[in-house]
Amino acid sequence: MTTMDVSPTTNGFHVIHPLDDVAEKKCSSDGLGQIAMTPSVRLSLKILRGYLIFMSLMLIYHVLDLAGALSHVKF
């Protein structure tokens, strides 16, 4: 968050760039453990994983087809 400093001797704001600002304390996730998932969430994640694997295989096939590596294979 950008810090703005107003002093009575100036007419306006003194803006500090976020990279030059004081670093804020970050949250720690140590000791939180796993999140409990409902069966519908687990199913949705498995469907998403299957979809991503299928799309990756389609992409690999398309790249190999464009490269001419599959020219001798007949489907």
Protein backbone atom coordinates (compact mmCIF):
# COMPACT_ATOMS: atom_id res chain seq x y z
CA MET A 1 0.00 0.00 0.00
CA THR A 2 1.32 3.44 -0.88
CA THR A 3 2.10 5.73 2.02
CA MET A 4 0.99 9.34 1.72
CA ASP A 5 2.48 11.89 4.04
CA VAL A 6 0.94 15.32 4.58
CA SER A 7 2.83 17.95 6.51
CA PRO A 8 1.63 21.46 7.34
CA THR A 9 4.58 23.06 5.53
CA THR A 10 3.69 21.62 2.11
CA ASN A 11 0.63 22.12 -0.03
CA GLY A 12 -0.18 18.58 -1.14
CA PHE A 13 0.81 14.99 -0.83
CA HIS A 14 4.18 13.30 -0.78
CA VAL A 15 3.63 10.01 -2.57
CA ILE A 16 6.04 7.12 -2.02
CA HIS A 17 6.35 4.47 -4.71
CA PRO A 18 5.35 0.95 -3.48
CA LEU A 19 8.85 -0.37 -4.22
CA ASP A 20 10.34 2.31 -1.95
CA ASP A 21 7.72 1.91 0.78
CA VAL A 22 8.24 0.02 4.05
CA ALA A 23 7.67 -3.71 3.50
CA GLU A 24 4.56 -5.11 5.15
CA LYS A 25 4.52 -8.30 7.15
CA LYS A 26 3.43 -11.29 5.08
CA CYS A 27 0.99 -13.93 6.27
CA SER A 28 2.41 -17.34 7.07
CA SER A 29 0.73 -20.61 6.16
CA ASP A 30 2.86 -22.74 8.46
CA GLY A 31 0.83 -25.23 10.47
CA LEU A 32 -2.48 -24.77 8.65
CA GLY A 33 -2.83 -28.34 7.40
CA GLN A 34 -5.03 -29.56 4.58
CA ILE A 35 -8.41 -28.11 3.68
CA ALA A 36 -11.36 -30.49 4.00
CA MET A 37 -13.07 -31.06 0.65
CA THR A 38 -16.65 -32.05 0.08
CA PRO A 39 -17.37 -34.88 -2.39
CA SER A 40 -18.69 -32.41 -4.98
CA VAL A 41 -15.48 -30.35 -4.78
CA ARG A 42 -13.36 -33.49 -5.11
CA LEU A 43 -15.38 -34.59 -8.18
CA SER A 44 -15.10 -31.13 -9.74
CA LEU A 45 -11.32 -31.14 -9.29
CA LYS A 46 -11.04 -34.61 -10.83
CA ILE A 47 -13.12 -33.48 -13.81
CA LEU A 48 -10.94 -30.39 -14.18
CA ARG A 49 -7.78 -32.54 -14.02
CA GLY A 50 -9.16 -34.85 -16.72
CA TYR A 51 -10.09 -31.88 -18.90
CA LEU A 52 -6.61 -30.36 -18.57
CA ILE A 53 -4.93 -33.68 -19.39
CA PHE A 54 -7.20 -34.14 -22.43
CA MET A 55 -6.51 -30.60 -23.69
CA SER A 56 -2.77 -31.10 -23.20
CA LEU A 57 -2.87 -34.33 -25.22
CA MET A 58 -4.83 -32.56 -27.97
CA LEU A 59 -2.24 -29.76 -28.04
CA ILE A 60 0.64 -32.25 -28.28
CA TYR A 61 -1.13 -34.09 -31.11
CA HIS A 62 -1.74 -30.82 -32.97
CA VAL A 63 1.88 -29.69 -32.62
CA LEU A 64 3.16 -33.09 -33.79
CA ASP A 65 0.73 -32.99 -36.72
CA LEU A 66 1.90 -29.51 -37.74
CA ALA A 67 5.52 -30.63 -37.47
CA GLY A 68 4.83 -33.52 -39.85
CA ALA A 69 5.76 -36.17 -37.33
CA LEU A 70 2.46 -37.98 -37.82
CA SER A 71 2.41 -38.02 -41.62
CA HIS A 72 2.97 -41.79 -41.81
CA VAL A 73 0.31 -42.61 -39.20
CA LYS A 74 -3.20 -43.17 -40.58
CA PHE A 75 -6.23 -42.83 -38.28
